[in-house]
N, C-alpha and C. Protein backbone atom coordinates (compact mmCIF):
# COMPACT_ATOMS: atom_id res chain seq x y z
N SER A 1 0.84 -1.63 -0.38
CA SER A 1 -0.09 -0.26 0.09
C SER A 1 1.23 1.14 0.08
N GLY A 2 2.38 0.85 0.30
CA GLY A 2 2.65 2.06 0.19
C GLY A 2 2.39 2.73 1.88
N ALA A 3 2.02 2.52 2.77
CA ALA A 3 1.61 3.29 3.84
C ALA A 3 3.12 3.07 4.80
N GLN A 4 3.21 4.47 5.68
CA GLN A 4 4.33 4.10 6.61
C GLN A 4 3.77 4.73 8.15
N GLY A 5 4.91 4.05 8.65
CA GLY A 5 4.04 4.32 9.95
C GLY A 5 5.41 4.30 11.13
N ILE A 6 5.06 5.24 12.29
CA ILE A 6 5.88 4.84 13.86
C ILE A 6 5.69 3.72 13.98
N TYR A 7 6.99 2.91 14.90
CA TYR A 7 6.32 2.72 15.78
C TYR A 7 7.32 2.54 16.17
N VAL A 8 7.18 2.97 17.92
CA VAL A 8 7.64 3.53 18.55
C VAL A 8 8.39 2.55 19.39
N PRO A 9 8.00 1.53 20.08
CA PRO A 9 8.17 0.26 20.73
C PRO A 9 9.36 -0.65 19.57
N LEU A 10 9.33 -0.67 18.45
CA LEU A 10 9.52 -1.47 17.40
C LEU A 10 11.12 -0.64 17.02
N ALA A 11 10.70 0.54 17.38
CA ALA A 11 12.63 1.17 17.17
C ALA A 11 14.09 1.33 18.11
N TYR A 12 13.29 0.46 19.55
CA TYR A 12 14.31 0.29 20.47
C TYR A 12 14.51 -1.55 20.44
N ILE A 13 13.72 -2.14 19.18
CA ILE A 13 14.56 -3.47 19.69
C ILE A 13 16.42 -2.98 17.88
N ARG A 14 16.93 -3.75 18.78
CA ARG A 14 18.55 -3.95 18.01
C ARG A 14 17.83 -4.82 16.33
N HIS A 15 18.94 -4.13 15.61
CA HIS A 15 19.06 -5.04 14.54
C HIS A 15 20.34 -6.06 14.88
N SER A 16 20.62 -6.99 14.02
CA SER A 16 21.93 -8.38 14.08
C SER A 16 21.39 -8.79 12.47
N CYS A 17 22.21 -9.51 12.04
CA CYS A 17 21.92 -10.14 10.77
C CYS A 17 21.88 -11.15 11.06
N ALA A 18 22.18 -11.56 11.99
CA ALA A 18 21.27 -12.68 12.64
C ALA A 18 20.51 -12.52 13.90
N PRO A 19 19.27 -12.22 13.29
CA PRO A 19 18.20 -11.96 13.68
C PRO A 19 17.51 -13.14 14.57
N SER A 20 16.78 -12.77 16.41
CA SER A 20 16.04 -13.58 17.07
C SER A 20 14.38 -13.44 16.62
N ALA A 21 14.36 -12.69 16.18
CA ALA A 21 12.86 -12.19 15.64
C ALA A 21 12.79 -11.44 13.90
N HIS A 22 11.41 -11.35 13.27
CA HIS A 22 11.85 -10.51 12.64
C HIS A 22 9.80 -10.23 12.94
N VAL A 23 9.94 -9.05 12.08
CA VAL A 23 8.83 -8.31 11.59
C VAL A 23 7.68 -8.65 11.15
N VAL A 24 6.55 -8.19 11.90
CA VAL A 24 5.17 -8.78 10.44
C VAL A 24 3.92 -8.01 10.86
N TYR A 25 4.10 -7.22 9.47
CA TYR A 25 2.78 -6.03 9.53
C TYR A 25 1.82 -6.61 9.12
N GLY A 26 0.30 -6.21 9.08
CA GLY A 26 -0.89 -6.69 9.31
C GLY A 26 -1.42 -6.22 8.71
N ALA A 27 -2.32 -5.98 7.57
CA ALA A 27 -3.41 -5.39 6.35
C ALA A 27 -3.89 -4.44 7.03
N SER A 28 -4.19 -4.20 8.88
CA SER A 28 -4.15 -3.22 9.07
C SER A 28 -3.48 -2.21 9.15
N GLY A 29 -2.49 -2.35 9.52
CA GLY A 29 -1.54 -1.54 10.15
C GLY A 29 -0.93 -1.60 11.18
N GLU A 30 -0.84 -3.17 12.27
CA GLU A 30 -0.30 -3.17 13.27
C GLU A 30 0.84 -3.99 12.26
N CYS A 31 1.52 -4.11 13.55
CA CYS A 31 2.89 -4.84 13.38
C CYS A 31 2.81 -5.87 14.91
N SER A 32 4.16 -7.32 14.80
CA SER A 32 4.13 -7.76 15.15
C SER A 32 5.34 -8.01 15.03
N VAL A 33 5.99 -8.22 16.61
CA VAL A 33 7.51 -9.24 16.31
C VAL A 33 7.10 -10.57 17.18
N VAL A 34 8.28 -11.30 16.22
CA VAL A 34 7.77 -12.83 15.80
C VAL A 34 8.94 -13.18 15.99
N ALA A 35 9.46 -13.93 16.84
CA ALA A 35 10.43 -14.95 17.78
C ALA A 35 10.58 -16.10 16.03
N SER A 36 12.45 -15.68 15.26
CA SER A 36 11.94 -16.74 14.25
C SER A 36 13.31 -18.32 14.63
N SER A 37 13.47 -18.01 16.28
CA SER A 37 13.91 -18.89 17.41
C SER A 37 13.97 -19.12 18.25
N SER A 38 14.22 -19.96 19.43
CA SER A 38 14.26 -20.65 20.71
C SER A 38 14.48 -18.72 21.66
N ILE A 39 13.61 -18.17 21.65
CA ILE A 39 14.38 -17.02 22.92
C ILE A 39 14.68 -17.33 24.36
N GLU A 40 15.76 -17.27 25.05
CA GLU A 40 15.92 -17.71 26.39
C GLU A 40 15.68 -16.70 27.04
N VAL A 41 15.21 -17.07 28.62
CA VAL A 41 15.10 -15.33 29.42
C VAL A 41 15.91 -14.54 30.00
N GLY A 42 15.82 -13.62 28.99
CA GLY A 42 17.03 -12.43 29.48
C GLY A 42 17.99 -12.23 28.63
N GLU A 43 17.58 -12.87 27.31
CA GLU A 43 18.24 -12.93 25.54
C GLU A 43 17.71 -11.99 25.04
N GLU A 44 18.61 -10.86 24.48
CA GLU A 44 18.10 -9.53 23.77
C GLU A 44 17.60 -9.94 22.59
N ILE A 45 16.36 -9.46 22.49
CA ILE A 45 15.38 -9.66 20.98
C ILE A 45 15.70 -9.17 19.81
N THR A 46 16.19 -9.47 18.68
CA THR A 46 17.07 -8.79 17.45
C THR A 46 16.22 -9.24 16.45
N VAL A 47 16.09 -7.89 15.87
CA VAL A 47 15.10 -8.30 14.44
C VAL A 47 16.27 -7.52 13.41
N SER A 48 16.43 -8.46 11.61
CA SER A 48 17.19 -7.40 10.77
C SER A 48 16.49 -6.43 9.51
N LEU A 49 17.61 -5.72 9.25
CA LEU A 49 17.08 -4.36 8.85
C LEU A 49 17.60 -4.57 7.48
N VAL A 50 18.74 -6.13 6.91
CA VAL A 50 18.19 -6.29 6.01
C VAL A 50 18.05 -7.57 5.45
N ASP A 51 18.64 -7.81 4.08
CA ASP A 51 18.24 -9.57 3.40
C ASP A 51 19.51 -10.44 4.14
N ILE A 52 19.32 -10.73 5.19
CA ILE A 52 20.31 -11.66 5.36
C ILE A 52 20.86 -12.81 4.66
N CYS A 53 20.04 -13.26 3.87
CA CYS A 53 20.74 -13.96 2.50
C CYS A 53 22.35 -13.39 1.69
N THR A 54 22.64 -11.80 2.25
CA THR A 54 23.55 -11.30 1.26
C THR A 54 24.45 -11.18 2.04
N SER A 55 25.78 -11.02 1.46
CA SER A 55 26.85 -10.77 1.75
C SER A 55 27.28 -9.47 3.18
N ARG A 56 28.31 -10.04 3.17
CA ARG A 56 28.60 -9.16 4.69
C ARG A 56 28.86 -7.52 4.41
N ASP A 57 29.53 -7.75 3.73
CA ASP A 57 29.75 -5.97 2.53
C ASP A 57 28.31 -5.86 1.92
N GLN A 58 27.42 -6.70 1.30
CA GLN A 58 26.42 -5.49 1.00
C GLN A 58 24.87 -5.72 2.00
N ARG A 59 25.45 -6.00 3.06
CA ARG A 59 24.42 -6.13 4.39
C ARG A 59 25.20 -4.83 5.04
N HIS A 60 26.59 -4.14 4.82
CA HIS A 60 27.24 -3.57 5.45
C HIS A 60 26.52 -1.82 4.69
N ALA A 61 26.61 -2.23 4.05
CA ALA A 61 26.05 -0.91 1.91
C ALA A 61 25.02 -0.92 2.16
N HIS A 62 23.80 -1.91 2.58
CA HIS A 62 22.26 -1.55 2.45
C HIS A 62 22.65 -0.74 4.02
N LEU A 63 22.80 -0.84 4.93
CA LEU A 63 23.07 -0.65 6.30
C LEU A 63 23.73 1.01 6.29
N SER A 64 24.17 1.49 5.35
CA SER A 64 24.93 2.95 5.49
C SER A 64 24.21 3.22 4.49
N GLN A 65 23.74 3.03 3.47
CA GLN A 65 22.84 3.55 2.47
C GLN A 65 21.78 4.18 3.27
N ARG A 66 20.57 2.87 3.79
CA ARG A 66 19.44 3.05 3.75
C ARG A 66 19.40 3.76 5.46
N HIS A 67 20.01 3.06 6.45
CA HIS A 67 19.71 3.91 7.38
C HIS A 67 20.61 4.52 8.08
N ASN A 68 21.49 4.74 7.89
CA ASN A 68 23.07 5.96 8.35
C ASN A 68 22.96 4.84 9.58
N PHE A 69 23.55 3.67 9.15
CA PHE A 69 24.57 2.43 10.32
C PHE A 69 25.29 1.60 9.69
N PHE A 70 26.65 2.53 10.63
CA PHE A 70 27.65 1.91 10.10
C PHE A 70 28.25 0.91 11.00
N GLY A 71 29.02 0.58 10.90
CA GLY A 71 30.06 -0.47 11.48
C GLY A 71 29.26 -1.90 12.47
N CYS A 72 28.71 -2.59 11.25
CA CYS A 72 27.57 -3.71 11.92
C CYS A 72 28.79 -4.71 12.50
N ARG A 73 28.76 -4.73 14.00
CA ARG A 73 29.67 -5.54 15.03
C ARG A 73 28.70 -6.88 15.00
N CYS A 74 27.63 -7.04 15.31
CA CYS A 74 27.01 -8.44 15.81
C CYS A 74 27.95 -9.20 14.89
N PRO A 75 26.75 -10.45 15.81
CA PRO A 75 28.01 -11.46 15.67
C PRO A 75 28.73 -12.40 14.83
N ARG A 76 27.00 -12.61 14.46
CA ARG A 76 27.36 -12.67 12.66
C ARG A 76 28.05 -11.75 11.19
N CYS A 77 28.43 -10.97 11.57
CA CYS A 77 29.66 -10.16 11.07
C CYS A 77 30.90 -10.04 12.10
N VAL A 78 30.81 -10.06 12.84
CA VAL A 78 32.00 -10.55 13.64
C VAL A 78 32.38 -12.04 13.13
N GLU A 79 32.17 -12.64 12.73
CA GLU A 79 32.39 -14.14 12.69
C GLU A 79 32.78 -13.82 10.82
N ASP A 80 31.48 -13.63 10.27
CA ASP A 80 32.42 -13.03 8.52
C ASP A 80 33.24 -12.49 8.37
N LEU A 81 34.17 -11.65 9.60
CA LEU A 81 34.71 -10.85 9.37
C LEU A 81 36.14 -11.62 9.62
N GLU A 82 35.97 -12.45 10.45
CA GLU A 82 37.55 -13.45 10.78
C GLU A 82 37.23 -14.50 10.07
N THR A 83 36.41 -15.24 9.37
CA THR A 83 36.50 -16.24 8.71
C THR A 83 36.73 -15.70 7.08
N SER A 84 36.52 -14.65 6.91
CA SER A 84 37.28 -13.54 5.83
C SER A 84 38.82 -13.52 5.42
């Protein structure tokens, strides 16, 4: 529909390229955060702002161009950097 909204509680969820949850938008504009895997008590809930199937460089380019987000240091990016 091209509609946009501001979801203040959602803004507090941090980004990760290996997210523990994803955001689902409903037909009437509501959104829900749904676990992608088991989340332990006290574990941080994260969502991805990028296509997680892309390379580290592509993910970082998207983050810097679309979200003014530089230097992602999530566990997946750190691991990708160490193994490259």
